[in-house]
PDB file of N, CA and C in Angstrom:
ATOM      1  N   UNK A   1    -165.164   2.639  53.834  1.00  0.00           N
ATOM      2  CA  UNK A   1    -166.235   2.085  54.645  1.00  0.00           C
ATOM      3  C   UNK A   1    -166.518   0.652  54.198  1.00  0.00           C
ATOM      4  N   UNK A   2    -166.477   0.436  52.903  1.00  0.00           N
ATOM      5  CA  UNK A   2    -166.734  -0.916  52.402  1.00  0.00           C
ATOM      6  C   UNK A   2    -165.647  -1.891  52.878  1.00  0.00           C
ATOM      7  N   UNK A   3    -164.407  -1.448  52.892  1.00  0.00           N
ATOM      8  CA  UNK A   3    -163.316  -2.308  53.376  1.00  0.00           C
ATOM      9  C   UNK A   3    -163.500  -2.586  54.866  1.00  0.00           C
ATOM     10  N   UNK A   4    -163.867  -1.562  55.607  1.00  0.00           N
ATOM     11  CA  UNK A   4    -164.112  -1.705  57.042  1.00  0.00           C
ATOM     12  C   UNK A   4    -165.235  -2.714  57.289  1.00  0.00           C
ATOM     13  N   UNK A   5    -166.224  -2.757  56.393  1.00  0.00           N
ATOM     14  CA  UNK A   5    -167.367  -3.646  56.583  1.00  0.00           C
ATOM     15  C   UNK A   5    -167.057  -5.109  56.237  1.00  0.00           C
ATOM     16  N   UNK A   6    -165.926  -5.346  55.585  1.00  0.00           N
ATOM     17  CA  UNK A   6    -165.536  -6.710  55.219  1.00  0.00           C
ATOM     18  C   UNK A   6    -165.497  -7.585  56.473  1.00  0.00           C
ATOM     19  N   UNK A   7    -166.088  -8.756  56.362  1.00  0.00           N
ATOM     20  CA  UNK A   7    -166.179  -9.673  57.517  1.00  0.00           C
ATOM     21  C   UNK A   7    -164.804 -10.003  58.098  1.00  0.00           C
ATOM     22  N   UNK A   8    -163.820 -10.192  57.245  1.00  0.00           N
ATOM     23  CA  UNK A   8    -162.462 -10.509  57.715  1.00  0.00           C
ATOM     24  C   UNK A   8    -161.902  -9.357  58.552  1.00  0.00           C
ATOM     25  N   UNK A   9    -162.081  -8.135  58.064  1.00  0.00           N
ATOM     26  CA  UNK A   9    -161.603  -6.951  58.796  1.00  0.00           C
ATOM     27  C   UNK A   9    -162.367  -6.816  60.111  1.00  0.00           C
ATOM     28  N   UNK A  10    -163.683  -7.032  60.074  1.00  0.00           N
ATOM     29  CA  UNK A  10    -164.490  -6.955  61.285  1.00  0.00           C
ATOM     30  C   UNK A  10    -164.003  -7.941  62.340  1.00  0.00           C
ATOM     31  N   UNK A  11    -163.710  -9.161  61.919  1.00  0.00           N
ATOM     32  CA  UNK A  11    -163.228 -10.171  62.857  1.00  0.00           C
ATOM     33  C   UNK A  11    -161.869  -9.777  63.428  1.00  0.00           C
ATOM     34  N   UNK A  12    -161.011  -9.202  62.586  1.00  0.00           N
ATOM     35  CA  UNK A  12    -159.686  -8.792  63.055  1.00  0.00           C
ATOM     36  C   UNK A  12    -159.804  -7.637  64.057  1.00  0.00           C
ATOM     37  N   UNK A  13    -160.714  -6.700  63.808  1.00  0.00           N
ATOM     38  CA  UNK A  13    -160.875  -5.545  64.690  1.00  0.00           C
ATOM     39  C   UNK A  13    -161.534  -5.909  66.019  1.00  0.00           C
ATOM     40  N   UNK A  14    -162.352  -6.930  65.989  1.00  0.00           N
ATOM     41  CA  UNK A  14    -163.094  -7.336  67.178  1.00  0.00           C
ATOM     42  C   UNK A  14    -162.137  -7.794  68.277  1.00  0.00           C
ATOM     43  N   UNK A  15    -162.056  -7.005  69.312  1.00  0.00           N
ATOM     44  CA  UNK A  15    -161.235  -7.365  70.452  1.00  0.00           C
ATOM     45  C   UNK A  15    -159.741  -7.131  70.280  1.00  0.00           C
ATOM     46  N   UNK A  16    -159.321  -6.583  69.140  1.00  0.00           N
ATOM     47  CA  UNK A  16    -157.898  -6.346  68.921  1.00  0.00           C
ATOM     48  C   UNK A  16    -157.450  -5.109  69.696  1.00  0.00           C
ATOM     49  N   UNK A  17    -156.343  -5.230  70.409  1.00  0.00           N
ATOM     50  CA  UNK A  17    -155.800  -4.067  71.111  1.00  0.00           C
ATOM     51  C   UNK A  17    -154.641  -3.456  70.333  1.00  0.00           C
ATOM     52  N   UNK A  18    -153.912  -4.275  69.643  1.00  0.00           N
ATOM     53  CA  UNK A  18    -152.835  -3.788  68.779  1.00  0.00           C
ATOM     54  C   UNK A  18    -153.297  -4.017  67.345  1.00  0.00           C
ATOM     55  N   UNK A  19    -153.706  -2.900  66.710  1.00  0.00           N
ATOM     56  CA  UNK A  19    -154.367  -3.062  65.429  1.00  0.00           C
ATOM     57  C   UNK A  19    -153.634  -2.420  64.248  1.00  0.00           C
ATOM     58  N   UNK A  20    -152.365  -2.125  64.418  1.00  0.00           N
ATOM     59  CA  UNK A  20    -151.597  -1.516  63.333  1.00  0.00           C
ATOM     60  C   UNK A  20    -151.644  -2.382  62.074  1.00  0.00           C
ATOM     61  N   UNK A  21    -151.487  -3.683  62.229  1.00  0.00           N
ATOM     62  CA  UNK A  21    -151.483  -4.587  61.078  1.00  0.00           C
ATOM     63  C   UNK A  21    -152.826  -4.573  60.339  1.00  0.00           C
ATOM     64  N   UNK A  22    -153.903  -4.411  61.082  1.00  0.00           N
ATOM     65  CA  UNK A  22    -155.240  -4.364  60.473  1.00  0.00           C
ATOM     66  C   UNK A  22    -155.349  -3.124  59.584  1.00  0.00           C
ATOM     67  N   UNK A  23    -154.900  -1.995  60.091  1.00  0.00           N
ATOM     68  CA  UNK A  23    -154.996  -0.759  59.320  1.00  0.00           C
ATOM     69  C   UNK A  23    -153.975  -0.730  58.183  1.00  0.00           C
ATOM     70  N   UNK A  24    -152.882  -1.459  58.323  1.00  0.00           N
ATOM     71  CA  UNK A  24    -151.964  -1.617  57.196  1.00  0.00           C
ATOM     72  C   UNK A  24    -152.647  -2.400  56.067  1.00  0.00           C
ATOM     73  N   UNK A  25    -153.430  -3.416  56.436  1.00  0.00           N
ATOM     74  CA  UNK A  25    -154.189  -4.190  55.452  1.00  0.00           C
ATOM     75  C   UNK A  25    -155.229  -3.303  54.760  1.00  0.00           C
ATOM     76  N   UNK A  26    -155.919  -2.477  55.529  1.00  0.00           N
ATOM     77  CA  UNK A  26    -156.901  -1.560  54.949  1.00  0.00           C
ATOM     78  C   UNK A  26    -156.209  -0.596  53.988  1.00  0.00           C
ATOM     79  N   UNK A  27    -155.052  -0.074  54.383  1.00  0.00           N
ATOM     80  CA  UNK A  27    -154.298   0.842  53.520  1.00  0.00           C
ATOM     81  C   UNK A  27    -153.868   0.143  52.227  1.00  0.00           C
ATOM     82  N   UNK A  28    -153.464  -1.127  52.323  1.00  0.00           N
ATOM     83  CA  UNK A  28    -153.091  -1.884  51.117  1.00  0.00           C
ATOM     84  C   UNK A  28    -154.285  -2.042  50.177  1.00  0.00           C
ATOM     85  N   UNK A  29    -155.428  -2.351  50.745  1.00  0.00           N
ATOM     86  CA  UNK A  29    -156.633  -2.506  49.918  1.00  0.00           C
ATOM     87  C   UNK A  29    -157.024  -1.182  49.261  1.00  0.00           C
ATOM     88  N   UNK A  30    -156.893  -0.091  49.994  1.00  0.00           N
ATOM     89  CA  UNK A  30    -157.181   1.219  49.410  1.00  0.00           C
ATOM     90  C   UNK A  30    -156.217   1.528  48.274  1.00  0.00           C
ATOM     91  N   UNK A  31    -154.955   1.146  48.446  1.00  0.00           N
ATOM     92  CA  UNK A  31    -153.946   1.386  47.407  1.00  0.00           C
ATOM     93  C   UNK A  31    -154.335   0.654  46.123  1.00  0.00           C
ATOM     94  N   UNK A  32    -154.891  -0.546  46.250  1.00  0.00           N
ATOM     95  CA  UNK A  32    -155.345  -1.294  45.082  1.00  0.00           C
ATOM     96  C   UNK A  32    -156.466  -0.560  44.350  1.00  0.00           C
ATOM     97  N   UNK A  33    -157.200   0.273  45.090  1.00  0.00           N
ATOM     98  CA  UNK A  33    -158.294   1.053  44.500  1.00  0.00           C
ATOM     99  C   UNK A  33    -157.811   2.424  44.034  1.00  0.00           C
ATOM    100  N   UNK A  34    -156.508   2.693  44.184  1.00  0.00           N
ATOM    101  CA  UNK A  34    -155.961   3.966  43.747  1.00  0.00           C
ATOM    102  C   UNK A  34    -156.031   5.068  44.783  1.00  0.00           C
ATOM    103  N   UNK A  35    -156.246   4.713  46.039  1.00  0.00           N
ATOM    104  CA  UNK A  35    -156.341   5.696  47.120  1.00  0.00           C
ATOM    105  C   UNK A  35    -155.114   5.539  48.000  1.00  0.00           C
ATOM    106  N   UNK A  36    -154.283   6.576  48.041  1.00  0.00           N
ATOM    107  CA  UNK A  36    -153.019   6.525  48.768  1.00  0.00           C
ATOM    108  C   UNK A  36    -153.198   7.047  50.189  1.00  0.00           C
ATOM    109  N   UNK A  37    -153.321   6.131  51.138  1.00  0.00           N
ATOM    110  CA  UNK A  37    -153.433   6.473  52.557  1.00  0.00           C
ATOM    111  C   UNK A  37    -152.534   5.535  53.350  1.00  0.00           C
ATOM    112  N   UNK A  38    -151.925   6.071  54.415  1.00  0.00           N
ATOM    113  CA  UNK A  38    -151.122   5.200  55.260  1.00  0.00           C
ATOM    114  C   UNK A  38    -151.999   4.642  56.382  1.00  0.00           C
ATOM    115  N   UNK A  39    -151.447   3.722  57.145  1.00  0.00           N
ATOM    116  CA  UNK A  39    -152.227   3.043  58.169  1.00  0.00           C
ATOM    117  C   UNK A  39    -152.721   3.986  59.249  1.00  0.00           C
ATOM    118  N   UNK A  40    -151.950   5.027  59.565  1.00  0.00           N
ATOM    119  CA  UNK A  40    -152.367   5.984  60.599  1.00  0.00           C
ATOM    120  C   UNK A  40    -153.592   6.780  60.145  1.00  0.00           C
ATOM    121  N   UNK A  41    -153.611   7.156  58.864  1.00  0.00           N
ATOM    122  CA  UNK A  41    -154.765   7.880  58.335  1.00  0.00           C
ATOM    123  C   UNK A  41    -156.006   6.986  58.347  1.00  0.00           C
ATOM    124  N   UNK A  42    -155.829   5.719  58.023  1.00  0.00           N
ATOM    125  CA  UNK A  42    -156.947   4.772  58.046  1.00  0.00           C
ATOM    126  C   UNK A  42    -157.477   4.598  59.463  1.00  0.00           C
ATOM    127  N   UNK A  43    -156.576   4.496  60.421  1.00  0.00           N
ATOM    128  CA  UNK A  43    -156.992   4.342  61.816  1.00  0.00           C
ATOM    129  C   UNK A  43    -157.721   5.595  62.297  1.00  0.00           C
ATOM    130  N   UNK A  44    -157.216   6.763  61.901  1.00  0.00           N
ATOM    131  CA  UNK A  44    -157.851   8.020  62.293  1.00  0.00           C
ATOM    132  C   UNK A  44    -159.259   8.116  61.705  1.00  0.00           C
ATOM    133  N   UNK A  45    -159.423   7.742  60.441  1.00  0.00           N
ATOM    134  CA  UNK A  45    -160.755   7.745  59.821  1.00  0.00           C
ATOM    135  C   UNK A  45    -161.700   6.835  60.582  1.00  0.00           C
ATOM    136  N   UNK A  46    -161.239   5.653  60.872  1.00  0.00           N
ATOM    137  CA  UNK A  46    -162.032   4.665  61.601  1.00  0.00           C
ATOM    138  C   UNK A  46    -162.472   5.216  62.950  1.00  0.00           C
ATOM    139  N   UNK A  47    -161.532   5.762  63.699  1.00  0.00           N
ATOM    140  CA  UNK A  47    -161.841   6.288  65.026  1.00  0.00           C
ATOM    141  C   UNK A  47    -162.786   7.481  64.951  1.00  0.00           C
ATOM    142  N   UNK A  48    -162.567   8.376  63.991  1.00  0.00           N
ATOM    143  CA  UNK A  48    -163.427   9.551  63.862  1.00  0.00           C
ATOM    144  C   UNK A  48    -164.850   9.175  63.473  1.00  0.00           C
ATOM    145  N   UNK A  49    -164.990   8.236  62.547  1.00  0.00           N
ATOM    146  CA  UNK A  49    -166.330   7.794  62.155  1.00  0.00           C
ATOM    147  C   UNK A  49    -167.059   7.160  63.333  1.00  0.00           C
ATOM    148  N   UNK A  50    -166.366   6.313  64.078  1.00  0.00           N
ATOM    149  CA  UNK A  50    -166.985   5.675  65.242  1.00  0.00           C
ATOM    150  C   UNK A  50    -167.357   6.708  66.299  1.00  0.00           C
ATOM    151  N   UNK A  51    -166.468   7.673  66.541  1.00  0.00           N
ATOM    152  CA  UNK A  51    -166.728   8.695  67.549  1.00  0.00           C
ATOM    153  C   UNK A  51    -167.942   9.529  67.165  1.00  0.00           C
ATOM    154  N   UNK A  52    -167.972  10.000  65.911  1.00  0.00           N
ATOM    155  CA  UNK A  52    -169.085  10.836  65.467  1.00  0.00           C
ATOM    156  C   UNK A  52    -170.407  10.059  65.502  1.00  0.00           C
ATOM    157  N   UNK A  53    -170.361   8.814  65.078  1.00  0.00           N
ATOM    158  CA  UNK A  53    -171.554   7.969  65.101  1.00  0.00           C
ATOM    159  C   UNK A  53    -172.070   7.806  66.534  1.00  0.00           C
ATOM    160  N   UNK A  54    -171.183   7.475  67.440  1.00  0.00           N
ATOM    161  CA  UNK A  54    -171.598   7.256  68.831  1.00  0.00           C
ATOM    162  C   UNK A  54    -172.088   8.548  69.479  1.00  0.00           C
ATOM    163  N   UNK A  55    -171.456   9.679  69.151  1.00  0.00           N
ATOM    164  CA  UNK A  55    -171.900  10.970  69.687  1.00  0.00           C
ATOM    165  C   UNK A  55    -173.314  11.281  69.190  1.00  0.00           C
ATOM    166  N   UNK A  56    -173.586  10.994  67.911  1.00  0.00           N
ATOM    167  CA  UNK A  56    -174.926  11.219  67.371  1.00  0.00           C
ATOM    168  C   UNK A  56    -175.942  10.277  68.006  1.00  0.00           C
ATOM    169  N   UNK A  57    -175.552   9.038  68.218  1.00  0.00           N
ATOM    170  CA  UNK A  57    -176.448   8.081  68.867  1.00  0.00           C
ATOM    171  C   UNK A  57    -176.837   8.593  70.253  1.00  0.00           C
ATOM    172  N   UNK A  58    -175.857   9.060  71.001  1.00  0.00           N
ATOM    173  CA  UNK A  58    -176.104   9.551  72.355  1.00  0.00           C
ATOM    174  C   UNK A  58    -176.986  10.797  72.319  1.00  0.00           C
ATOM    175  N   UNK A  59    -176.680  11.713  71.412  1.00  0.00           N
ATOM    176  CA  UNK A  59    -177.450  12.951  71.274  1.00  0.00           C
ATOM    177  C   UNK A  59    -178.898  12.652  70.884  1.00  0.00           C
ATOM    178  N   UNK A  60    -179.079  11.704  69.986  1.00  0.00           N
ATOM    179  CA  UNK A  60    -180.415  11.378  69.499  1.00  0.00           C
ATOM    180  C   UNK A  60    -181.248  10.604  70.517  1.00  0.00           C
ATOM    181  N   UNK A  61    -180.597  10.036  71.528  1.00  0.00           N
ATOM    182  CA  UNK A  61    -181.326   9.316  72.569  1.00  0.00           C
ATOM    183  C   UNK A  61    -182.115  10.267  73.456  1.00  0.00           C
ATOM    184  N   UNK A  62    -181.624  11.501  73.605  1.00  0.00           N
ATOM    185  CA  UNK A  62    -182.290  12.468  74.473  1.00  0.00           C
ATOM    186  C   UNK A  62    -183.617  12.890  73.848  1.00  0.00           C
ATOM    187  N   UNK A  63    -184.640  12.863  74.627  1.00  0.00           N
ATOM    188  CA  UNK A  63    -185.947  13.296  74.138  1.00  0.00           C
ATOM    189  C   UNK A  63    -185.905  14.791  73.837  1.00  0.00           C
ATOM    190  N   UNK A  64    -186.600  15.174  72.816  1.00  0.00           N
ATOM    191  CA  UNK A  64    -186.647  16.587  72.455  1.00  0.00           C
ATOM    192  C   UNK A  64    -185.593  16.985  71.443  1.00  0.00           C
ATOM    193  N   UNK A  65    -184.544  16.181  71.288  1.00  0.00           N
ATOM    194  CA  UNK A  65    -183.534  16.486  70.277  1.00  0.00           C
ATOM    195  C   UNK A  65    -184.018  15.994  68.916  1.00  0.00           C
ATOM    196  N   UNK A  66    -183.895  16.817  67.896  1.00  0.00           N
ATOM    197  CA  UNK A  66    -184.247  16.319  66.569  1.00  0.00           C
ATOM    198  C   UNK A  66    -183.242  15.239  66.149  1.00  0.00           C
ATOM    199  N   UNK A  67    -183.718  14.253  65.418  1.00  0.00           N
ATOM    200  CA  UNK A  67    -182.848  13.154  64.985  1.00  0.00           C
ATOM    201  C   UNK A  67    -181.909  13.668  63.904  1.00  0.00           C
ATOM    202  N   UNK A  68    -180.643  13.732  64.218  1.00  0.00           N
ATOM    203  CA  UNK A  68    -179.609  14.190  63.287  1.00  0.00           C
ATOM    204  C   UNK A  68    -178.860  13.003  62.732  1.00  0.00           C
ATOM    205  N   UNK A  69    -178.330  13.192  61.529  1.00  0.00           N
ATOM    206  CA  UNK A  69    -177.509  12.147  60.922  1.00  0.00           C
ATOM    207  C   UNK A  69    -176.233  12.762  60.375  1.00  0.00           C
ATOM    208  N   UNK A  70    -175.194  11.968  60.359  1.00  0.00           N
ATOM    209  CA  UNK A  70    -173.936  12.362  59.734  1.00  0.00           C
ATOM    210  C   UNK A  70    -173.887  11.759  58.337  1.00  0.00           C
ATOM    211  N   UNK A  71    -172.960  12.225  57.536  1.00  0.00           N
ATOM    212  CA  UNK A  71    -172.773  11.631  56.222  1.00  0.00           C
ATOM    213  C   UNK A  71    -172.304  10.193  56.416  1.00  0.00           C
ATOM    214  N   UNK A  72    -172.777   9.266  55.635  1.00  0.00           N
ATOM    215  CA  UNK A  72    -172.447   7.843  55.723  1.00  0.00           C
ATOM    216  C   UNK A  72    -172.984   7.205  57.006  1.00  0.00           C
ATOM    217  N   UNK A  73    -173.978   7.850  57.621  1.00  0.00           N
ATOM    218  CA  UNK A  73    -174.554   7.320  58.862  1.00  0.00           C
ATOM    219  C   UNK A  73    -175.065   5.898  58.669  1.00  0.00           C
ATOM    220  N   UNK A  74    -175.833   5.686  57.609  1.00  0.00           N
ATOM    221  CA  UNK A  74    -176.445   4.372  57.392  1.00  0.00           C
ATOM    222  C   UNK A  74    -175.393   3.280  57.229  1.00  0.00           C
ATOM    223  N   UNK A  75    -174.311   3.587  56.503  1.00  0.00           N
ATOM    224  CA  UNK A  75    -173.245   2.602  56.300  1.00  0.00           C
ATOM    225  C   UNK A  75    -172.543   2.274  57.616  1.00  0.00           C
ATOM    226  N   UNK A  76    -172.206   3.306  58.384  1.00  0.00           N
ATOM    227  CA  UNK A  76    -171.531   3.095  59.671  1.00  0.00           C
ATOM    228  C   UNK A  76    -172.468   2.360  60.630  1.00  0.00           C
ATOM    229  N   UNK A  77    -173.752   2.713  60.603  1.00  0.00           N
ATOM    230  CA  UNK A  77    -174.736   2.054  61.448  1.00  0.00           C
ATOM    231  C   UNK A  77    -174.789   0.556  61.144  1.00  0.00           C
ATOM    232  N   UNK A  78    -174.803   0.205  59.863  1.00  0.00           N
ATOM    233  CA  UNK A  78    -174.818  -1.213  59.477  1.00  0.00           C
ATOM    234  C   UNK A  78    -173.577  -1.935  59.986  1.00  0.00           C
ATOM    235  N   UNK A  79    -172.428  -1.297  59.872  1.00  0.00           N
ATOM    236  CA  UNK A  79    -171.176  -1.925  60.304  1.00  0.00           C
ATOM    237  C   UNK A  79    -171.172  -2.132  61.813  1.00  0.00           C
ATOM    238  N   UNK A  80    -171.500  -1.091  62.550  1.00  0.00           N
ATOM    239  CA  UNK A  80    -171.421  -1.178  63.997  1.00  0.00           C
ATOM    240  C   UNK A  80    -172.532  -2.050  64.582  1.00  0.00           C
ATOM    241  N   UNK A  81    -173.610  -2.224  63.862  1.00  0.00           N
ATOM    242  CA  UNK A  81    -174.668  -3.132  64.303  1.00  0.00           C
ATOM    243  C   UNK A  81    -174.471  -4.528  63.719  1.00  0.00           C
ATOM    244  N   UNK A  82    -173.362  -4.699  62.971  1.00  0.00           N
ATOM    245  CA  UNK A  82    -172.972  -5.977  62.377  1.00  0.00           C
ATOM    246  C   UNK A  82    -174.035  -6.499  61.408  1.00  0.00           C
ATOM    247  N   UNK A  83    -174.517  -5.602  60.540  1.00  0.00           N
ATOM    248  CA  UNK A  83    -175.457  -5.969  59.487  1.00  0.00           C
ATOM    249  C   UNK A  83    -174.767  -5.755  58.156  1.00  0.00           C
ATOM    250  N   UNK A  84    -175.095  -6.545  57.140  1.00  0.00           N
ATOM    251  CA  UNK A  84    -174.465  -6.359  55.833  1.00  0.00           C
ATOM    252  C   UNK A  84    -174.859  -5.024  55.220  1.00  0.00           C
ATOM    253  N   UNK A  85    -173.911  -4.412  54.488  1.00  0.00           N
ATOM    254  CA  UNK A  85    -174.183  -3.134  53.829  1.00  0.00           C
ATOM    255  C   UNK A  85    -175.177  -3.280  52.694  1.00  0.00           C
ATOM    256  N   UNK A  86    -175.170  -4.400  52.015  1.00  0.00           N
ATOM    257  CA  UNK A  86    -176.083  -4.602  50.900  1.00  0.00           C
ATOM    258  C   UNK A  86    -175.565  -3.933  49.637  1.00  0.00           C
ATOM    259  N   UNK A  87    -176.328  -4.022  48.560  1.00  0.00           N
ATOM    260  CA  UNK A  87    -175.864  -3.502  47.274  1.00  0.00           C
ATOM    261  C   UNK A  87    -175.759  -1.984  47.232  1.00  0.00           C
ATOM    262  N   UNK A  88    -176.436  -1.278  48.134  1.00  0.00           N
ATOM    263  CA  UNK A  88    -176.361   0.180  48.109  1.00  0.00           C
ATOM    264  C   UNK A  88    -175.110   0.709  48.790  1.00  0.00           C
ATOM    265  N   UNK A  89    -174.383  -0.149  49.544  1.00  0.00           N
ATOM    266  CA  UNK A  89    -173.145   0.277  50.194  1.00  0.00           C
ATOM    267  C   UNK A  89    -172.109   0.622  49.144  1.00  0.00           C
ATOM    268  N   UNK A  90    -171.269   1.594  49.418  1.00  0.00           N
ATOM    269  CA  UNK A  90    -170.272   1.980  48.419  1.00  0.00           C
ATOM    270  C   UNK A  90    -168.906   1.571  48.900  1.00  0.00           C
ATOM    271  N   UNK A  91    -168.029   1.374  47.976  1.00  0.00           N
ATOM    272  CA  UNK A  91    -166.651   1.017  48.285  1.00  0.00           C
ATOM    273  C   UNK A  91    -165.892   0.839  47.003  1.00  0.00           C
ATOM    274  N   UNK A  92    -164.624   0.517  47.083  1.00  0.00           N
ATOM    275  CA  UNK A  92    -163.814   0.445  45.872  1.00  0.00           C
ATOM    276  C   UNK A  92    -164.236  -0.704  44.976  1.00  0.00           C
ATOM    277  N   UNK A  93    -164.947  -1.693  45.521  1.00  0.00           N
ATOM    278  CA  UNK A  93    -165.410  -2.787  44.686  1.00  0.00           C
ATOM    279  C   UNK A  93    -166.633  -2.402  43.870  1.00  0.00           C
ATOM    280  N   UNK A  94    -167.288  -1.301  44.229  1.00  0.00           N
ATOM    281  CA  UNK A  94    -168.492  -0.858  43.535  1.00  0.00           C
ATOM    282  C   UNK A  94    -168.156  -0.412  42.123  1.00  0.00           C
ATOM    283  N   UNK A  95    -168.963  -0.846  41.145  1.00  0.00           N
ATOM    284  CA  UNK A  95    -168.675  -0.518  39.749  1.00  0.00           C
ATOM    285  C   UNK A  95    -168.729   0.974  39.500  1.00  0.00           C
ATOM    286  N   UNK A  96    -169.594   1.703  40.206  1.00  0.00           N
ATOM    287  CA  UNK A  96    -169.673   3.146  39.989  1.00  0.00           C
ATOM    288  C   UNK A  96    -168.403   3.842  40.458  1.00  0.00           C
ATOM    289  N   UNK A  97    -167.727   3.275  41.431  1.00  0.00           N
ATOM    290  CA  UNK A  97    -166.501   3.897  41.915  1.00  0.00           C
ATOM    291  C   UNK A  97    -165.304   3.471  41.082  1.00  0.00           C
ATOM    292  N   UNK A  98    -165.352   2.276  40.525  1.00  0.00           N
ATOM    293  CA  UNK A  98    -164.240   1.817  39.711  1.00  0.00           C
ATOM    294  C   UNK A  98    -164.163   2.551  38.381  1.00  0.00           C
ATOM    295  N   UNK A  99    -165.220   3.251  38.015  1.00  0.00           N
ATOM    296  CA  UNK A  99    -165.246   3.936  36.729  1.00  0.00           C
ATOM    297  C   UNK A  99    -164.281   5.106  36.673  1.00  0.00           C
ATOM    298  N   UNK A 100    -163.831   5.605  37.825  1.00  0.00           N
ATOM    299  CA  UNK A 100    -162.867   6.704  37.840  1.00  0.00           C
ATOM    300  C   UNK A 100    -163.487   8.040  37.519  1.00  0.00           C
ATOM    301  N   UNK A 101    -164.757   8.191  37.714  1.00  0.00           N
ATOM    302  CA  UNK A 101    -165.432   9.436  37.390  1.00  0.00           C
ATOM    303  C   UNK A 101    -165.133  10.502  38.423  1.00  0.00           C
ATOM    304  N   UNK A 102    -165.493  11.742  38.083  1.00  0.00           N
ATOM    305  CA  UNK A 102    -165.322  12.848  39.022  1.00  0.00           C
ATOM    306  C   UNK A 102    -166.129  12.606  40.282  1.00  0.00           C
ATOM    307  N   UNK A 103    -167.281  11.957  40.136  1.00  0.00           N
ATOM    308  CA  UNK A 103    -168.135  11.670  41.286  1.00  0.00           C
ATOM    309  C   UNK A 103    -167.373  10.867  42.334  1.00  0.00           C
ATOM    310  N   UNK A 104    -166.606   9.872  41.906  1.00  0.00           N
ATOM    311  CA  UNK A 104    -165.807   9.063  42.814  1.00  0.00           C
ATOM    312  C   UNK A 104    -164.811   9.933  43.579  1.00  0.00           C
ATOM    313  N   UNK A 105    -164.096  10.769  42.850  1.00  0.00           N
ATOM    314  CA  UNK A 105    -163.092  11.623  43.490  1.00  0.00           C
ATOM    315  C   UNK A 105    -163.741  12.645  44.419  1.00  0.00           C
ATOM    316  N   UNK A 106    -164.902  13.142  44.042  1.00  0.00           N
ATOM    317  CA  UNK A 106    -165.615  14.075  44.914  1.00  0.00           C
ATOM    318  C   UNK A 106    -166.053  13.398  46.201  1.00  0.00           C
ATOM    319  N   UNK A 107    -166.518  12.153  46.106  1.00  0.00           N
ATOM    320  CA  UNK A 107    -166.905  11.405  47.303  1.00  0.00           C
ATOM    321  C   UNK A 107    -165.711  11.236  48.249  1.00  0.00           C
ATOM    322  N   UNK A 108    -164.566  10.878  47.694  1.00  0.00           N
ATOM    323  CA  UNK A 108    -163.358  10.690  48.510  1.00  0.00           C
ATOM    324  C   UNK A 108    -162.951  12.014  49.151  1.00  0.00           C
ATOM    325  N   UNK A 109    -162.969  13.092  48.376  1.00  0.00           N
ATOM    326  CA  UNK A 109    -162.605  14.399  48.919  1.00  0.00           C
ATOM    327  C   UNK A 109    -163.551  14.819  50.035  1.00  0.00           C
ATOM    328  N   UNK A 110    -164.849  14.592  49.833  1.00  0.00           N
ATOM    329  CA  UNK A 110    -165.824  14.957  50.859  1.00  0.00           C
ATOM    330  C   UNK A 110    -165.618  14.136  52.124  1.00  0.00           C
ATOM    331  N   UNK A 111    -165.352  12.856  51.973  1.00  0.00           N
ATOM    332  CA  UNK A 111    -165.097  12.008  53.136  1.00  0.00           C
ATOM    333  C   UNK A 111    -163.835  12.478  53.863  1.00  0.00           C
ATOM    334  N   UNK A 112    -162.791  12.811  53.108  1.00  0.00           N
ATOM    335  CA  UNK A 112    -161.551  13.272  53.720  1.00  0.00           C
ATOM    336  C   UNK A 112    -161.747  14.599  54.448  1.00  0.00           C
ATOM    337  N   UNK A 113    -162.531  15.497  53.835  1.00  0.00           N
ATOM    338  CA  UNK A 113    -162.816  16.784  54.500  1.00  0.00           C
ATOM    339  C   UNK A 113    -163.579  16.538  55.797  1.00  0.00           C
ATOM    340  N   UNK A 114    -164.553  15.635  55.740  1.00  0.00           N
ATOM    341  CA  UNK A 114    -165.346  15.318  56.919  1.00  0.00           C
ATOM    342  C   UNK A 114    -164.436  14.819  58.041  1.00  0.00           C
ATOM    343  N   UNK A 115    -163.425  14.044  57.680  1.00  0.00           N
ATOM    344  CA  UNK A 115    -162.516  13.466  58.670  1.00  0.00           C
ATOM    345  C   UNK A 115    -161.248  14.293  58.860  1.00  0.00           C
ATOM    346  N   UNK A 116    -161.207  15.434  58.166  1.00  0.00           N
ATOM    347  CA  UNK A 116    -160.081  16.364  58.265  1.00  0.00           C
ATOM    348  C   UNK A 116    -158.749  15.732  57.884  1.00  0.00           C
ATOM    349  N   UNK A 117    -158.772  14.923  56.798  1.00  0.00           N
ATOM    350  CA  UNK A 117    -157.555  14.317  56.265  1.00  0.00           C
ATOM    351  C   UNK A 117    -157.157  15.093  55.013  1.00  0.00           C
ATOM    352  N   UNK A 118    -155.867  15.071  54.654  1.00  0.00           N
ATOM    353  CA  UNK A 118    -155.443  15.758  53.429  1.00  0.00           C
ATOM    354  C   UNK A 118    -156.149  15.166  52.218  1.00  0.00           C
ATOM    355  N   UNK A 119    -156.537  16.043  51.310  1.00  0.00           N
ATOM    356  CA  UNK A 119    -157.261  15.594  50.113  1.00  0.00           C
ATOM    357  C   UNK A 119    -156.302  15.135  49.050  1.00  0.00           C
TER     358      UNK A 119
END
C-alpha cells in the first residue's frame, strides 16, 4: 500500500491503460523489501483493494446501512482521495516493518489472505 501511495507510482497509474511496467516496478520495490511477488499478483492486489473499497463506499452511501470498513480502509481511502498517508501509513520503508519481526510477516500474510494470494 505504501508503494502504491508513492507519488511517482500514482502519476504512472493515472490514466495508464497498459500498466504492466508499473506493476513490474511495484514488484521490484517489494523484492527490495524481501517480499516475492510478480507483477500479476501486484496488479491483482491493486484491483481487489480498489474494488472492495469502492463496493464499501457504495454500500455505505445507502441510508440505513451501518458504516462498514475493510482492513486498510484508511490507507486505501487516502490513496484514492489523493491525500498523503502520513507517518501512520505502513509500508516497507517503515522502521517497524524493516525490523523483520513476526508482526511484519503476520501483516503480510493477513493482507495476502484478504486478497486471496498465496502466503
